[in-house]
């Protein structure tokens, strides 16, 4: 897969990485919530939220989230995020997941690039943040390669210590702050 670098003002989709196999990036809809929950559950790496939260996410944060759809329109991957209220130039990426049948094809990178290009068109955005548990190599690679593609620096610090989680053993969550970005 190669990056398509064209004038994003001429074509908002121009900043998206080319999508494999006739997939397309779209806004999530409430009807997608169950599929996003299933993809997250099947990922084996994500903290699974309640099914209710995925429905709300598709309703309330559709503008800062993206879904990849197959030729029939079914979700096969997603990225959820929100603009931090105290930092309106920062997009916090909550979760990224791709259906097992579509992994290894660059879909997560295409979703991340597509979402950040779209959000940057709507508002000033200079930073992407996410948290990653130590040892989640796929996420570490996804976000460090995102930073490289966009010529940005990655700063890392522990955001939440393991002992701060009230529901049992949990690895620490390391904050990845990527920026400055220019779109």
N, C-alpha and C. Protein backbone atom coordinates (compact mmCIF):
# COMPACT_ATOMS: atom_id res chain seq x y z
N UNK A 1 0.84 -1.16 0.00
CA UNK A 1 0.00 0.00 0.00
C UNK A 1 0.89 1.23 0.00
N UNK A 2 0.51 2.22 -0.74
CA UNK A 2 1.29 3.45 -0.81
C UNK A 2 0.45 4.61 -0.34
N UNK A 3 1.10 5.66 0.06
CA UNK A 3 0.39 6.86 0.49
C UNK A 3 0.03 7.69 -0.73
N UNK A 4 -1.15 8.22 -0.72
CA UNK A 4 -1.57 9.11 -1.79
C UNK A 4 -1.44 10.53 -1.28
N UNK A 5 -0.51 11.30 -1.80
CA UNK A 5 -0.29 12.66 -1.36
C UNK A 5 -0.75 13.61 -2.45
N UNK A 6 -1.90 14.19 -2.24
CA UNK A 6 -2.44 15.16 -3.18
C UNK A 6 -2.94 16.34 -2.37
N UNK A 7 -3.46 17.35 -3.05
CA UNK A 7 -3.97 18.53 -2.37
C UNK A 7 -5.24 18.18 -1.62
N UNK A 8 -5.21 18.17 -0.26
CA UNK A 8 -6.39 17.77 0.48
C UNK A 8 -7.54 18.76 0.34
N UNK A 9 -7.25 19.99 -0.06
CA UNK A 9 -8.34 20.95 -0.27
C UNK A 9 -9.13 20.60 -1.53
N UNK A 10 -8.44 20.04 -2.52
CA UNK A 10 -9.11 19.66 -3.76
C UNK A 10 -9.96 18.41 -3.56
N UNK A 11 -9.48 17.49 -2.76
CA UNK A 11 -10.19 16.24 -2.54
C UNK A 11 -9.95 15.82 -1.09
N UNK A 12 -10.98 15.93 -0.22
CA UNK A 12 -10.78 15.58 1.18
C UNK A 12 -10.27 14.17 1.39
N UNK A 13 -10.53 13.24 0.48
CA UNK A 13 -10.07 11.87 0.64
C UNK A 13 -8.62 11.70 0.16
N UNK A 14 -8.02 12.76 -0.40
CA UNK A 14 -6.69 12.64 -0.97
C UNK A 14 -5.63 12.32 0.07
N UNK A 15 -5.83 12.71 1.31
CA UNK A 15 -4.85 12.43 2.35
C UNK A 15 -4.95 11.00 2.85
N UNK A 16 -6.02 10.30 2.53
CA UNK A 16 -6.18 8.93 3.00
C UNK A 16 -5.18 8.05 2.28
N UNK A 17 -4.63 7.12 3.00
CA UNK A 17 -3.85 6.11 2.32
C UNK A 17 -4.79 5.34 1.40
N UNK A 18 -4.25 4.81 0.33
CA UNK A 18 -5.09 4.03 -0.57
C UNK A 18 -5.70 2.87 0.20
N UNK A 19 -6.95 2.62 -0.06
CA UNK A 19 -7.66 1.57 0.66
C UNK A 19 -7.56 0.26 -0.11
N UNK A 20 -7.25 -0.80 0.59
CA UNK A 20 -7.16 -2.09 -0.09
C UNK A 20 -8.52 -2.67 -0.43
N UNK A 21 -8.58 -3.42 -1.50
CA UNK A 21 -9.73 -4.26 -1.84
C UNK A 21 -11.08 -3.56 -1.82
N UNK A 22 -11.15 -2.42 -2.42
CA UNK A 22 -12.42 -1.69 -2.55
C UNK A 22 -13.06 -1.32 -1.23
N UNK A 23 -12.27 -1.21 -0.18
CA UNK A 23 -12.79 -0.74 1.09
C UNK A 23 -12.90 0.77 1.04
N UNK A 24 -13.76 1.31 1.88
CA UNK A 24 -13.89 2.76 1.93
C UNK A 24 -14.01 3.22 3.37
N UNK A 25 -13.56 4.44 3.62
CA UNK A 25 -13.66 5.05 4.93
C UNK A 25 -14.92 5.87 4.99
N UNK A 26 -15.62 5.78 6.12
CA UNK A 26 -16.90 6.45 6.29
C UNK A 26 -17.03 6.89 7.75
N UNK A 27 -18.05 7.69 8.02
CA UNK A 27 -18.41 8.01 9.39
C UNK A 27 -19.17 6.81 9.98
N UNK A 28 -18.97 6.50 11.24
CA UNK A 28 -19.79 5.44 11.84
C UNK A 28 -21.22 5.93 12.07
N UNK A 29 -22.13 4.99 12.06
CA UNK A 29 -23.54 5.26 12.36
C UNK A 29 -23.94 4.37 13.53
N UNK A 30 -25.00 4.74 14.22
CA UNK A 30 -25.45 3.96 15.37
C UNK A 30 -25.60 2.48 15.00
N UNK A 31 -26.10 2.21 13.81
CA UNK A 31 -26.28 0.82 13.38
C UNK A 31 -24.97 0.05 13.32
N UNK A 32 -23.82 0.74 13.31
CA UNK A 32 -22.52 0.09 13.27
C UNK A 32 -22.01 -0.31 14.66
N UNK A 33 -22.65 0.17 15.71
CA UNK A 33 -22.16 -0.04 17.07
C UNK A 33 -21.92 -1.50 17.42
N UNK A 34 -22.84 -2.37 17.05
CA UNK A 34 -22.69 -3.79 17.37
C UNK A 34 -21.49 -4.39 16.65
N UNK A 35 -21.27 -4.01 15.40
CA UNK A 35 -20.14 -4.53 14.64
C UNK A 35 -18.82 -4.01 15.23
N UNK A 36 -18.78 -2.75 15.64
CA UNK A 36 -17.56 -2.21 16.25
C UNK A 36 -17.26 -2.94 17.55
N UNK A 37 -18.29 -3.21 18.34
CA UNK A 37 -18.11 -3.95 19.59
C UNK A 37 -17.53 -5.34 19.30
N UNK A 38 -18.07 -6.02 18.28
CA UNK A 38 -17.58 -7.35 17.93
C UNK A 38 -16.14 -7.31 17.46
N UNK A 39 -15.80 -6.34 16.62
CA UNK A 39 -14.42 -6.22 16.12
C UNK A 39 -13.47 -5.97 17.29
N UNK A 40 -13.87 -5.09 18.21
CA UNK A 40 -13.03 -4.82 19.40
C UNK A 40 -12.88 -6.07 20.25
N UNK A 41 -13.99 -6.78 20.45
CA UNK A 41 -13.97 -8.01 21.26
C UNK A 41 -13.05 -9.05 20.64
N UNK A 42 -13.16 -9.22 19.33
CA UNK A 42 -12.36 -10.23 18.63
C UNK A 42 -10.89 -9.85 18.49
N UNK A 43 -10.55 -8.58 18.71
CA UNK A 43 -9.17 -8.14 18.53
C UNK A 43 -8.22 -8.81 19.51
N UNK A 44 -8.71 -9.10 20.71
CA UNK A 44 -7.87 -9.73 21.71
C UNK A 44 -6.89 -8.80 22.39
N UNK A 45 -6.76 -7.56 21.91
CA UNK A 45 -5.80 -6.61 22.48
C UNK A 45 -6.45 -5.43 23.20
N UNK A 46 -7.67 -5.13 22.85
CA UNK A 46 -8.30 -3.93 23.39
C UNK A 46 -9.03 -4.20 24.70
N UNK A 47 -9.11 -3.18 25.53
CA UNK A 47 -10.02 -3.22 26.66
C UNK A 47 -11.41 -3.11 26.06
N UNK A 48 -12.22 -4.11 26.25
CA UNK A 48 -13.56 -4.10 25.67
C UNK A 48 -14.48 -3.25 26.53
N UNK A 49 -15.09 -2.27 25.91
CA UNK A 49 -16.08 -1.43 26.57
C UNK A 49 -17.44 -2.10 26.44
N UNK A 50 -18.44 -1.58 27.13
CA UNK A 50 -19.78 -2.14 27.03
C UNK A 50 -20.31 -1.93 25.61
N UNK A 51 -21.22 -2.78 25.19
CA UNK A 51 -21.82 -2.62 23.86
C UNK A 51 -22.53 -1.28 23.78
N UNK A 52 -23.11 -0.87 24.88
CA UNK A 52 -23.79 0.44 24.95
C UNK A 52 -22.83 1.58 24.59
N UNK A 53 -21.58 1.50 25.07
CA UNK A 53 -20.64 2.58 24.81
C UNK A 53 -20.31 2.69 23.31
N UNK A 54 -20.28 1.56 22.60
CA UNK A 54 -20.01 1.63 21.16
C UNK A 54 -21.18 2.25 20.41
N UNK A 55 -22.39 1.99 20.87
CA UNK A 55 -23.55 2.64 20.28
C UNK A 55 -23.49 4.15 20.50
N UNK A 56 -23.19 4.56 21.73
CA UNK A 56 -23.06 5.99 22.03
C UNK A 56 -21.93 6.61 21.23
N UNK A 57 -20.82 5.89 21.13
CA UNK A 57 -19.68 6.43 20.40
C UNK A 57 -20.06 6.72 18.96
N UNK A 58 -20.79 5.80 18.34
CA UNK A 58 -21.20 5.98 16.94
C UNK A 58 -22.19 7.13 16.79
N UNK A 59 -22.92 7.43 17.84
CA UNK A 59 -23.87 8.55 17.80
C UNK A 59 -23.19 9.87 18.12
N UNK A 60 -22.45 9.92 19.24
CA UNK A 60 -21.95 11.18 19.76
C UNK A 60 -20.58 11.60 19.25
N UNK A 61 -19.78 10.65 18.79
CA UNK A 61 -18.44 10.98 18.34
C UNK A 61 -18.18 10.52 16.90
N UNK A 62 -19.21 10.45 16.09
CA UNK A 62 -19.06 10.03 14.70
C UNK A 62 -18.15 10.99 13.92
N UNK A 63 -18.17 12.25 14.28
CA UNK A 63 -17.34 13.23 13.59
C UNK A 63 -15.86 13.08 13.85
N UNK A 64 -15.50 12.42 14.95
CA UNK A 64 -14.09 12.23 15.28
C UNK A 64 -13.73 10.75 15.32
N UNK A 65 -14.49 9.96 14.59
CA UNK A 65 -14.25 8.53 14.46
C UNK A 65 -14.42 8.14 13.00
N UNK A 66 -13.94 6.96 12.65
CA UNK A 66 -14.05 6.50 11.27
C UNK A 66 -14.25 4.99 11.26
N UNK A 67 -14.93 4.53 10.24
CA UNK A 67 -15.15 3.10 10.04
C UNK A 67 -14.74 2.75 8.62
N UNK A 68 -14.13 1.58 8.46
CA UNK A 68 -13.83 1.06 7.13
C UNK A 68 -14.94 0.09 6.77
N UNK A 69 -15.46 0.22 5.57
CA UNK A 69 -16.55 -0.64 5.11
C UNK A 69 -16.10 -1.47 3.92
N UNK A 70 -16.62 -2.70 3.86
CA UNK A 70 -16.35 -3.55 2.71
C UNK A 70 -17.31 -3.18 1.59
N UNK A 71 -17.26 -3.91 0.49
CA UNK A 71 -18.08 -3.60 -0.68
C UNK A 71 -19.58 -3.65 -0.38
N UNK A 72 -19.97 -4.43 0.62
CA UNK A 72 -21.39 -4.52 0.99
C UNK A 72 -21.78 -3.48 2.05
N UNK A 73 -20.82 -2.69 2.51
CA UNK A 73 -21.10 -1.65 3.49
C UNK A 73 -20.93 -2.10 4.94
N UNK A 74 -20.49 -3.31 5.15
CA UNK A 74 -20.31 -3.81 6.52
C UNK A 74 -19.00 -3.28 7.11
N UNK A 75 -19.01 -2.86 8.38
CA UNK A 75 -17.77 -2.41 9.02
C UNK A 75 -16.75 -3.54 9.15
N UNK A 76 -15.50 -3.24 8.78
CA UNK A 76 -14.42 -4.23 8.90
C UNK A 76 -13.24 -3.66 9.71
N UNK A 77 -13.37 -2.44 10.15
CA UNK A 77 -12.35 -1.80 10.96
C UNK A 77 -12.85 -0.45 11.42
N UNK A 78 -12.22 0.06 12.48
CA UNK A 78 -12.64 1.36 12.97
C UNK A 78 -11.54 2.04 13.77
N UNK A 79 -11.67 3.33 13.90
CA UNK A 79 -10.87 4.12 14.83
C UNK A 79 -11.85 5.07 15.51
N UNK A 80 -11.79 5.12 16.84
CA UNK A 80 -12.64 6.03 17.60
C UNK A 80 -11.75 7.07 18.27
N UNK A 81 -12.26 8.27 18.35
CA UNK A 81 -11.50 9.34 18.97
C UNK A 81 -12.40 10.49 19.37
N UNK A 82 -11.80 11.44 20.05
CA UNK A 82 -12.52 12.66 20.42
C UNK A 82 -11.51 13.79 20.56
N UNK A 83 -12.00 15.01 20.39
CA UNK A 83 -11.17 16.19 20.61
C UNK A 83 -11.20 16.49 22.10
N UNK A 84 -10.02 16.64 22.68
CA UNK A 84 -9.94 16.89 24.11
C UNK A 84 -10.54 18.25 24.45
N UNK A 85 -11.50 18.29 25.36
CA UNK A 85 -12.15 19.57 25.69
C UNK A 85 -11.17 20.63 26.19
N UNK A 86 -10.15 20.23 26.95
CA UNK A 86 -9.19 21.20 27.47
C UNK A 86 -8.05 21.48 26.50
N UNK A 87 -8.00 20.75 25.40
CA UNK A 87 -6.98 20.94 24.36
C UNK A 87 -7.65 20.76 23.00
N UNK A 88 -8.33 21.78 22.51
CA UNK A 88 -9.10 21.63 21.26
C UNK A 88 -8.26 21.40 20.01
N UNK A 89 -6.93 21.47 20.14
CA UNK A 89 -6.06 21.16 19.00
C UNK A 89 -5.54 19.72 19.06
N UNK A 90 -6.09 18.91 20.00
CA UNK A 90 -5.61 17.55 20.21
C UNK A 90 -6.73 16.53 20.00
N UNK A 91 -6.47 15.58 19.13
CA UNK A 91 -7.37 14.45 18.92
C UNK A 91 -6.84 13.28 19.73
N UNK A 92 -7.66 12.79 20.65
CA UNK A 92 -7.30 11.60 21.42
C UNK A 92 -7.89 10.40 20.68
N UNK A 93 -7.04 9.48 20.25
CA UNK A 93 -7.51 8.27 19.58
C UNK A 93 -7.75 7.23 20.67
N UNK A 94 -9.00 6.81 20.79
CA UNK A 94 -9.41 5.90 21.85
C UNK A 94 -9.10 4.45 21.50
N UNK A 95 -9.60 3.99 20.37
CA UNK A 95 -9.37 2.61 19.96
C UNK A 95 -9.21 2.52 18.45
N UNK A 96 -8.39 1.58 18.02
CA UNK A 96 -8.24 1.22 16.61
C UNK A 96 -8.32 -0.29 16.55
N UNK A 97 -9.17 -0.80 15.68
CA UNK A 97 -9.29 -2.26 15.53
C UNK A 97 -9.68 -2.59 14.11
N UNK A 98 -9.16 -3.73 13.65
CA UNK A 98 -9.46 -4.22 12.31
C UNK A 98 -9.89 -5.68 12.43
N UNK A 99 -10.93 -6.03 11.70
CA UNK A 99 -11.39 -7.41 11.66
C UNK A 99 -10.25 -8.32 11.23
N UNK A 100 -10.17 -9.48 11.85
CA UNK A 100 -9.07 -10.40 11.60
C UNK A 100 -8.86 -10.70 10.12
N UNK A 101 -9.91 -10.81 9.35
CA UNK A 101 -9.81 -11.13 7.92
C UNK A 101 -9.15 -10.01 7.11
N UNK A 102 -9.04 -8.81 7.68
CA UNK A 102 -8.50 -7.67 6.95
C UNK A 102 -7.19 -7.15 7.53
N UNK A 103 -6.64 -7.83 8.52
CA UNK A 103 -5.40 -7.37 9.15
C UNK A 103 -4.20 -7.60 8.23
N UNK A 104 -3.17 -6.80 8.47
CA UNK A 104 -1.92 -6.94 7.72
C UNK A 104 -1.94 -6.30 6.36
N UNK A 105 -2.92 -5.47 6.09
CA UNK A 105 -3.04 -4.85 4.77
C UNK A 105 -2.94 -3.33 4.82
N UNK A 106 -2.58 -2.78 5.99
CA UNK A 106 -2.44 -1.33 6.11
C UNK A 106 -3.73 -0.60 6.39
N UNK A 107 -4.78 -1.33 6.72
CA UNK A 107 -6.08 -0.70 6.94
C UNK A 107 -6.08 0.21 8.16
N UNK A 108 -5.44 -0.20 9.25
CA UNK A 108 -5.40 0.65 10.45
C UNK A 108 -4.71 1.97 10.16
N UNK A 109 -3.61 1.94 9.41
CA UNK A 109 -2.90 3.16 9.06
C UNK A 109 -3.76 4.05 8.16
N UNK A 110 -4.47 3.45 7.22
CA UNK A 110 -5.34 4.22 6.33
C UNK A 110 -6.46 4.88 7.13
N UNK A 111 -7.04 4.14 8.07
CA UNK A 111 -8.09 4.72 8.92
C UNK A 111 -7.56 5.89 9.75
N UNK A 112 -6.39 5.71 10.35
CA UNK A 112 -5.81 6.77 11.18
C UNK A 112 -5.48 8.00 10.35
N UNK A 113 -4.85 7.81 9.20
CA UNK A 113 -4.54 8.94 8.33
C UNK A 113 -5.81 9.62 7.84
N UNK A 114 -6.79 8.82 7.44
CA UNK A 114 -8.04 9.39 6.95
C UNK A 114 -8.78 10.18 8.00
N UNK A 115 -8.85 9.62 9.20
CA UNK A 115 -9.55 10.33 10.28
C UNK A 115 -8.85 11.64 10.63
N UNK A 116 -7.54 11.61 10.80
CA UNK A 116 -6.87 12.83 11.20
C UNK A 116 -6.93 13.89 10.10
N UNK A 117 -6.88 13.49 8.85
CA UNK A 117 -7.03 14.46 7.75
C UNK A 117 -8.42 15.10 7.79
N UNK A 118 -9.43 14.29 8.05
CA UNK A 118 -10.80 14.82 8.11
C UNK A 118 -10.98 15.77 9.28
N UNK A 119 -10.50 15.38 10.46
CA UNK A 119 -10.64 16.23 11.64
C UNK A 119 -9.88 17.55 11.43
N UNK A 120 -8.70 17.46 10.85
CA UNK A 120 -7.90 18.66 10.61
C UNK A 120 -8.57 19.62 9.63
N UNK A 121 -9.42 19.12 8.75
CA UNK A 121 -10.15 20.00 7.85
C UNK A 121 -11.22 20.79 8.59
N UNK A 122 -11.75 20.20 9.65
CA UNK A 122 -12.84 20.83 10.39
C UNK A 122 -12.36 21.78 11.47
N UNK A 123 -11.16 21.56 11.97
CA UNK A 123 -10.64 22.41 13.03
C UNK A 123 -9.13 22.32 13.08
N UNK A 124 -8.53 23.27 13.76
CA UNK A 124 -7.08 23.28 13.91
C UNK A 124 -6.68 22.09 14.78
N UNK A 125 -5.79 21.25 14.27
CA UNK A 125 -5.33 20.10 15.02
C UNK A 125 -3.82 20.00 14.85
N UNK A 126 -3.10 20.00 15.97
CA UNK A 126 -1.65 19.92 15.92
C UNK A 126 -1.09 18.68 16.59
N UNK A 127 -1.96 17.95 17.33
CA UNK A 127 -1.46 16.83 18.12
C UNK A 127 -2.44 15.67 18.09
N UNK A 128 -1.89 14.46 18.03
CA UNK A 128 -2.67 13.24 18.21
C UNK A 128 -2.13 12.57 19.47
N UNK A 129 -3.03 12.13 20.32
CA UNK A 129 -2.66 11.38 21.50
C UNK A 129 -3.36 10.03 21.48
N UNK A 130 -2.71 9.06 22.10
CA UNK A 130 -3.32 7.76 22.33
C UNK A 130 -2.62 7.15 23.52
N UNK A 131 -3.20 6.11 24.08
CA UNK A 131 -2.49 5.36 25.12
C UNK A 131 -2.30 3.93 24.63
N UNK A 132 -1.16 3.37 25.01
CA UNK A 132 -0.80 2.02 24.59
C UNK A 132 -0.21 1.30 25.80
N UNK A 133 -0.66 0.07 26.00
CA UNK A 133 -0.07 -0.72 27.07
C UNK A 133 1.28 -1.29 26.59
N UNK A 134 2.25 -1.37 27.50
CA UNK A 134 3.55 -1.92 27.11
C UNK A 134 3.38 -3.33 26.52
N UNK A 135 4.09 -3.57 25.45
CA UNK A 135 4.03 -4.88 24.80
C UNK A 135 3.03 -4.98 23.67
N UNK A 136 2.20 -3.94 23.47
CA UNK A 136 1.25 -3.94 22.35
C UNK A 136 2.01 -3.44 21.12
N UNK A 137 2.79 -4.34 20.55
CA UNK A 137 3.70 -4.00 19.46
C UNK A 137 2.96 -3.45 18.24
N UNK A 138 1.81 -4.01 17.91
CA UNK A 138 1.06 -3.54 16.73
C UNK A 138 0.68 -2.07 16.89
N UNK A 139 0.19 -1.68 18.05
CA UNK A 139 -0.18 -0.29 18.27
C UNK A 139 1.04 0.62 18.31
N UNK A 140 2.11 0.14 18.94
CA UNK A 140 3.33 0.94 18.96
C UNK A 140 3.81 1.22 17.54
N UNK A 141 3.80 0.20 16.70
CA UNK A 141 4.23 0.38 15.30
C UNK A 141 3.28 1.30 14.54
N UNK A 142 1.98 1.13 14.75
CA UNK A 142 1.00 1.96 14.05
C UNK A 142 1.23 3.44 14.33
N UNK A 143 1.38 3.79 15.60
CA UNK A 143 1.48 5.20 15.95
C UNK A 143 2.87 5.78 15.70
N UNK A 144 3.92 5.00 15.84
CA UNK A 144 5.24 5.53 15.51
C UNK A 144 5.39 5.70 14.00
N UNK A 145 4.79 4.81 13.22
CA UNK A 145 4.85 4.99 11.76
C UNK A 145 3.98 6.16 11.32
N UNK A 146 2.87 6.38 12.02
CA UNK A 146 2.04 7.56 11.74
C UNK A 146 2.88 8.83 11.95
N UNK A 147 3.58 8.89 13.07
CA UNK A 147 4.43 10.06 13.35
C UNK A 147 5.47 10.25 12.26
N UNK A 148 6.11 9.17 11.85
CA UNK A 148 7.12 9.26 10.77
C UNK A 148 6.51 9.79 9.48
N UNK A 149 5.36 9.25 9.09
CA UNK A 149 4.71 9.70 7.84
C UNK A 149 4.39 11.19 7.88
N UNK A 150 4.12 11.69 9.07
CA UNK A 150 3.71 13.10 9.20
C UNK A 150 4.83 14.00 9.73
N UNK A 151 6.04 13.46 9.81
CA UNK A 151 7.18 14.27 10.23
C UNK A 151 7.05 14.82 11.64
N UNK A 152 6.44 14.06 12.52
CA UNK A 152 6.18 14.52 13.88
C UNK A 152 7.02 13.74 14.89
N UNK A 153 7.12 14.28 16.06
CA UNK A 153 7.85 13.69 17.17
C UNK A 153 6.87 12.92 18.05
N UNK A 154 7.33 11.83 18.65
CA UNK A 154 6.52 11.05 19.59
C UNK A 154 7.11 11.24 20.98
N UNK A 155 6.30 11.75 21.89
CA UNK A 155 6.68 11.83 23.30
C UNK A 155 5.89 10.77 24.04
N UNK A 156 6.54 10.09 24.98
CA UNK A 156 5.89 9.03 25.74
C UNK A 156 6.04 9.30 27.23
N UNK A 157 4.96 9.03 27.96
CA UNK A 157 4.99 9.08 29.42
C UNK A 157 3.85 8.23 29.94
N UNK A 158 4.04 7.66 31.11
CA UNK A 158 2.97 6.86 31.70
C UNK A 158 1.85 7.81 32.11
N UNK A 159 0.66 7.56 31.59
CA UNK A 159 -0.50 8.38 31.93
C UNK A 159 -1.23 7.81 33.14
N UNK A 160 -1.45 6.49 33.13
CA UNK A 160 -2.12 5.83 34.24
C UNK A 160 -1.27 4.65 34.69
N UNK A 161 -0.93 4.64 35.96
CA UNK A 161 -0.17 3.53 36.54
C UNK A 161 -1.07 2.31 36.69
N UNK A 162 -0.48 1.14 36.74
CA UNK A 162 -1.24 -0.11 36.87
C UNK A 162 -2.15 -0.07 38.10
N UNK A 163 -1.68 0.46 39.19
CA UNK A 163 -2.46 0.48 40.43
C UNK A 163 -3.63 1.43 40.44
N UNK A 164 -3.74 2.28 39.43
CA UNK A 164 -4.86 3.24 39.39
C UNK A 164 -6.15 2.61 38.87
N UNK A 165 -6.07 1.44 38.27
CA UNK A 165 -7.25 0.80 37.70
C UNK A 165 -8.00 0.05 38.80
N UNK A 166 -9.28 0.38 39.02
CA UNK A 166 -10.01 -0.21 40.14
C UNK A 166 -10.54 -1.62 39.88
N UNK A 167 -10.48 -2.09 38.64
CA UNK A 167 -11.13 -3.37 38.31
C UNK A 167 -10.15 -4.53 38.17
N UNK A 168 -9.09 -4.49 38.93
CA UNK A 168 -8.18 -5.63 38.91
C UNK A 168 -6.88 -5.33 38.20
N UNK A 169 -6.11 -6.37 37.95
CA UNK A 169 -4.80 -6.14 37.34
C UNK A 169 -4.95 -5.55 35.93
N UNK A 170 -4.14 -4.55 35.68
CA UNK A 170 -4.14 -3.87 34.38
C UNK A 170 -2.74 -3.33 34.17
N UNK A 171 -2.23 -3.46 32.97
CA UNK A 171 -0.94 -2.86 32.65
C UNK A 171 -1.07 -1.35 32.67
N UNK A 172 0.04 -0.65 32.87
CA UNK A 172 -0.03 0.81 32.79
C UNK A 172 -0.41 1.23 31.37
N UNK A 173 -0.95 2.41 31.26
CA UNK A 173 -1.28 2.99 29.96
C UNK A 173 -0.27 4.10 29.69
N UNK A 174 0.49 3.95 28.61
CA UNK A 174 1.51 4.91 28.24
C UNK A 174 0.91 5.88 27.22
N UNK A 175 0.99 7.16 27.54
CA UNK A 175 0.49 8.20 26.64
C UNK A 175 1.52 8.44 25.54
N UNK A 176 1.07 8.35 24.29
CA UNK A 176 1.87 8.72 23.12
C UNK A 176 1.31 10.05 22.65
N UNK A 177 2.13 11.09 22.68
CA UNK A 177 1.74 12.42 22.19
C UNK A 177 2.54 12.66 20.91
N UNK A 178 1.82 12.81 19.78
CA UNK A 178 2.43 12.93 18.46
C UNK A 178 2.20 14.33 17.93
N UNK A 179 3.26 15.04 17.65
CA UNK A 179 3.13 16.39 17.12
C UNK A 179 4.49 17.08 17.05
N UNK A 180 4.54 18.29 16.59
CA UNK A 180 3.41 19.00 16.02
C UNK A 180 3.10 18.49 14.62
N UNK A 181 1.81 18.49 14.32
CA UNK A 181 1.33 18.08 13.01
C UNK A 181 0.93 19.31 12.22
N UNK A 182 1.11 19.25 10.93
CA UNK A 182 0.63 20.34 10.07
C UNK A 182 -0.09 19.68 8.89
N UNK A 183 -1.26 20.16 8.63
CA UNK A 183 -2.09 19.60 7.56
C UNK A 183 -2.34 20.65 6.51
